[in-house]
Protein backbone atom coordinates (compact mmCIF):
# COMPACT_ATOMS: atom_id res chain seq x y z
CA MET A 1 8.35 1.51 9.81
CA LYS A 2 4.80 1.29 11.16
CA LYS A 3 3.91 4.54 9.40
CA LEU A 4 5.25 3.22 6.08
CA LEU A 5 3.11 0.11 6.45
CA MET A 6 0.09 2.27 7.20
CA TYR A 7 0.78 4.46 4.14
CA TYR A 8 1.14 1.32 2.00
CA GLN A 9 -2.15 -0.08 3.34
CA CYS A 10 -3.87 3.21 2.53
CA TRP A 11 -2.52 3.03 -1.02
CA LEU A 12 -3.82 -0.53 -1.35
CA GLU A 13 -7.24 0.62 -0.13
CA VAL A 14 -7.35 3.36 -2.76
CA THR A 15 -6.29 0.96 -5.52
CA LYS A 16 -9.28 -1.29 -4.73
CA GLN A 17 -11.58 1.35 -6.21
CA GLN A 18 -12.27 0.90 -9.90
CA ARG A 19 -11.57 4.55 -10.74
CA TYR A 20 -7.90 4.00 -9.77
CA ARG A 21 -7.46 0.75 -11.69
CA ASP A 22 -6.59 -0.33 -15.23
CA LYS A 23 -4.92 2.94 -16.22
CA TRP A 24 -1.60 4.65 -15.68
CA LEU A 25 -1.87 7.22 -12.90
CA THR A 26 0.86 9.39 -11.43
CA ASP A 27 1.94 9.30 -7.82
CA GLU A 28 0.35 12.71 -7.36
CA THR A 29 -3.11 11.31 -8.18
CA TYR A 30 -2.72 8.49 -5.69
CA PHE A 31 -1.27 10.88 -3.11
CA ARG A 32 -4.25 13.23 -3.42
CA ALA A 33 -6.74 10.35 -3.31
CA ILE A 34 -5.14 8.98 -0.14
CA LYS A 35 -5.16 12.42 1.49
CA ALA A 36 -8.84 12.82 0.63
CA GLN A 37 -9.80 9.39 1.94
CA PHE A 38 -7.55 9.40 4.99
CA PRO A 39 -7.43 13.03 6.14
CA THR A 40 -5.83 12.13 9.48
CA LEU A 41 -2.61 11.11 7.68
CA GLU A 42 -1.62 14.75 7.20
CA SER A 43 -1.06 15.07 10.94
CA LEU A 44 1.51 12.24 10.67
CA GLY A 45 3.58 14.10 8.08
CA PHE A 46 2.30 12.06 5.12
CA ASP A 47 3.64 13.27 1.78
CA ARG A 48 4.10 11.96 -1.76
CA GLY A 49 7.71 10.92 -1.14
CA LYS A 50 6.74 8.86 1.91
CA MET A 51 3.94 7.24 -0.06
CA ASN A 52 6.37 6.25 -2.84
CA LYS A 53 8.84 4.95 -0.26
CA ALA A 54 6.11 2.88 1.42
CA ILE A 55 5.02 1.36 -1.90
CA SER A 56 8.64 0.58 -2.79
CA SER A 57 9.32 -0.86 0.66
CA TYR A 58 6.44 -3.30 0.58
CA ASP A 59 6.03 -4.13 -3.12
CA GLY A 60 9.68 -3.57 -4.07
CA THR A 61 11.15 -4.48 -7.41
CA ILE A 62 8.22 -6.72 -8.34
CA LEU A 63 6.51 -3.49 -9.46
CA ASP A 64 9.16 -3.13 -12.16
CA ASP A 65 8.55 -6.68 -13.46
CA PHE A 66 6.26 -6.59 -16.51
CA THR A 67 6.35 -10.39 -16.98
CA GLU A 68 4.07 -13.18 -15.82
CA SER A 69 6.20 -13.66 -12.71
CA ASN A 70 4.59 -10.50 -11.30
CA GLN A 71 1.30 -11.88 -10.01
CA THR A 72 0.39 -8.77 -7.99
CA GLY A 73 -1.23 -6.86 -10.86
CA ARG A 74 0.68 -3.75 -9.72
CA PHE A 75 3.27 -2.04 -11.89
CA ARG A 76 5.43 1.08 -11.73
CA ARG A 77 7.51 3.30 -14.00
CA GLN A 78 9.37 6.50 -13.35
CA ALA A 79 10.44 9.37 -15.52
CA TYR A 80 11.75 12.87 -15.07
CA GLY A 81 9.26 15.46 -16.19
CA TYR A 82 5.98 17.18 -15.40
CA ASP A 83 2.90 15.50 -14.01
CA PRO A 84 -0.59 16.53 -15.19
CA PHE A 85 -1.04 18.76 -12.12
CA GLY A 86 1.57 21.34 -13.11
CA THR A 87 4.00 20.62 -10.30
CA PRO A 88 7.63 21.56 -10.95
CA LYS A 89 9.69 19.19 -13.06
CA ARG A 90 10.53 16.18 -10.90
CA LYS A 91 10.91 12.41 -10.81
CA VAL A 92 7.34 11.27 -11.48
CA MET A 93 6.29 7.79 -10.45
CA GLY A 94 3.51 6.17 -12.43
CA TYR A 95 1.49 3.22 -11.18
CA TYR A 96 -0.77 0.81 -13.01
CA VAL A 97 -3.00 -1.44 -10.93
CA THR A 98 -5.09 -4.23 -12.39
CA ALA A 99 -6.43 -7.58 -11.21
CA PRO A 100 -3.89 -9.92 -9.56
CA GLY A 101 -2.13 -11.88 -12.29
CA GLY A 102 -3.02 -9.24 -14.89
CA LEU A 103 -0.32 -7.87 -17.16
CA VAL A 104 0.30 -4.53 -18.80
CA GLU A 105 2.72 -3.68 -21.60
CA ARG A 106 5.97 -2.19 -20.37
CA PRO A 107 6.09 1.53 -21.24
CA PRO A 108 9.12 2.88 -23.07
CA ASP A 109 12.17 4.39 -21.37
CA GLY A 110 13.99 7.61 -22.15
CA LYS A 111 12.51 10.43 -24.21
CA LYS A 112 9.50 8.30 -25.08
CA SER A 113 8.82 7.69 -21.41
CA PHE A 114 5.55 6.65 -19.82
CA LEU A 115 4.64 10.31 -19.16
CA PHE A 116 2.37 10.35 -22.21
CA LEU A 117 0.32 7.47 -20.72
CA PRO A 118 -1.14 8.79 -17.44
CA GLN A 119 -4.90 9.26 -17.43
CA ASP A 120 -5.09 11.32 -14.25
CA GLN A 121 -7.53 13.78 -15.83
CA SER A 122 -10.05 10.94 -16.28
CA ILE A 123 -10.51 10.87 -12.51
CA GLY A 124 -12.19 14.28 -12.50
CA ASP A 125 -11.36 17.15 -10.17
CA HIS A 126 -7.58 17.01 -10.19
CA TYR A 127 -7.14 18.96 -6.99
CA SER A 128 -8.94 16.74 -4.53
CA VAL A 129 -9.38 13.69 -6.74
CA ALA A 130 -11.71 11.86 -4.37
CA ARG A 131 -13.15 14.39 -1.93
CA GLY A 132 -16.93 14.41 -1.85
CA VAL A 133 -17.39 11.03 -3.54
CA PRO A 134 -20.02 9.09 -1.53
CA GLU A 135 -18.07 5.83 -1.26
CA ILE A 136 -15.04 7.65 0.13
CA VAL A 137 -14.68 7.37 3.88
CA ASP A 138 -11.83 7.79 6.30
CA LEU A 139 -10.71 4.18 6.63
CA MET A 140 -7.89 5.06 8.99
CA SER A 141 -9.85 3.98 12.09
CA GLU A 142 -10.80 0.70 10.40
CA ILE A 143 -7.16 -0.06 9.60
CA VAL A 144 -6.12 0.82 13.16
CA GLU A 145 -8.89 -1.42 14.56
CA GLN A 146 -7.85 -4.30 12.32
CA SER A 147 -4.21 -3.90 13.35
CA LEU A 148 -5.18 -3.80 17.03
CA ALA A 149 -7.39 -6.89 16.65
CA LYS A 150 -4.54 -8.74 14.93
CA ARG A 151 -2.10 -7.78 17.68
CA LYS A 152 -4.58 -8.97 20.33
CA ALA A 153 -5.10 -12.26 18.49
CA ASP A 154 -1.33 -12.72 18.16
CA ALA A 155 -0.91 -12.00 21.88
CA LYS A 156 -3.58 -14.57 22.75
CA LEU A 157 -1.86 -17.18 20.58
CA ALA A 158 1.45 -16.40 22.25
CA ALA A 159 -0.18 -16.74 25.68
CA VAL A 160 -1.69 -20.11 24.73
CA ASP A 161 1.72 -21.28 23.54
CA GLU A 162 3.29 -20.17 26.84
CA VAL A 163 0.64 -22.08 28.82
CA LYS A 164 1.32 -25.21 26.75
CA ILE A 165 5.07 -24.90 27.35
CA ILE A 166 4.57 -24.37 31.08
CA SER A 167 2.22 -27.39 31.23
CA VAL A 168 4.77 -29.61 29.50
CA LEU A 169 7.54 -28.37 31.81
CA LEU A 170 5.39 -29.03 34.88
CA MET A 171 4.59 -32.53 33.66
CA MET A 172 8.26 -33.20 33.07
CA PHE A 173 9.16 -31.81 36.47
CA SER A 174 6.46 -33.93 38.17
CA TYR A 175 7.70 -37.01 36.33
CA PHE A 176 11.27 -36.26 37.37
CA ILE A 177 10.23 -35.84 41.04
CA LEU A 178 8.23 -39.08 40.99
CA GLN A 179 11.20 -40.94 39.55
CA ASN A 180 13.49 -39.80 42.38
């Protein structure tokens, strides 16, 4: 589960970049961008299926909601077909990310599926989508540091709570002893 959360956080980091926003992009484009920005993920067995599972696990069905109730600005469609990278025919996930609260028109289902909408080629080099772009860095260590700092802060809060509980118990015990 921790790996899925990490994959999801990596996807969110990629979607913060303007080049991956306000257009339909296939899962393959996001997968390649994440691999380029977070090269250490490959050693963890990161693949496109795990990325899609992570996104589904943490954003869930809200991605399929094309109404105002979806305030995330993140949307998803799927279709069976070919992606712009020439991979074998498969279930292709498409994602559209815009500003929180933003809406996008729901693409059609069936034969007139969303597969005519992706703009993956607008990103540039379709093999390593993001490799070599100056603002691209391996943010894996930053995410790990943030997670570690949060765990330490949570542990400190828990320790403070334990001290408070022990203090109250000692006061109650002292009061009880003084009463007897």
